[in-house]
């Protein structure tokens, strides 16, 4: 009897150990990442299988504006987002009291000046209408591009870290009518304006490519590529989350670099 009880006890202990081992297996993880449809969501799609092999399900939530995906990360509805550059994020934090931080730079989208009713910069008439994005960092970026092309002059001290508006223009020899519009609307208004300075992602969504269609683009040999690199952003404190770090590693891979550089024809450039 004692021998039988000992055997039973040993079996129970063994089963307990096995159950414990089974219970220690890491549970599957889902991370939700907000992204602009093009190119951000398309790039994220390239790493879904890589993450799945690690037990991480990547859920991509698409947004067509620049406000909701930041609010959703701050509230915890999203684990991360991928649509913005650091100057925009910093301005958003300052204006809204949010606590977003960058964990990685992935790609750069050159800003471009695109033709509307006027098909070349040389043909731009006095009083022509030029549309630019109306959010701080991107309007600054647009105005700096217009200055790069000699169309306007900005006040001393205006640079990529500024939040400039058309009121910072000190010389406007062609008396350009600068219209400040929501970035998402810029491709839609092209038929109604002479020129528009458009964010890379919205240009791509509108069937435009800076390398092929723009009359002028940012000088990427300067600081633009790093200053305006599009980032993975999370709420402060979540930078070292294992699933987020796995996402970054998957995105900063040779396969994703090749995908970006081969897919977008210079309209999007990998920066890692």
Foldseek 3Di string as FASTA:
>chain_A
DVVVVVVVVVVVVVVVVVVVVVVVPDAAEEFEEEEAVPPTVVLLVVCQVVLVVVRYGYHYHYDLADPVRQVCQQVVVGQWYWYFFDLLVVVCCVVPVAFKDFQDFWKAFWKFKFFAQAHAPVPDAQQFEEEFAQWFLRNLVQVVQCVVVVQFDFAPPRDNNGRDDPVRTPGGPSNYHYHHDHQLCQLVCRNPGGIYTHTLRSCVVSVHARVPGGNDTDDPVDCRGVRTGIGIMHGPPCSVPPSVVVSNVSSPDPVSQCCQCVPRVRSMHTDD
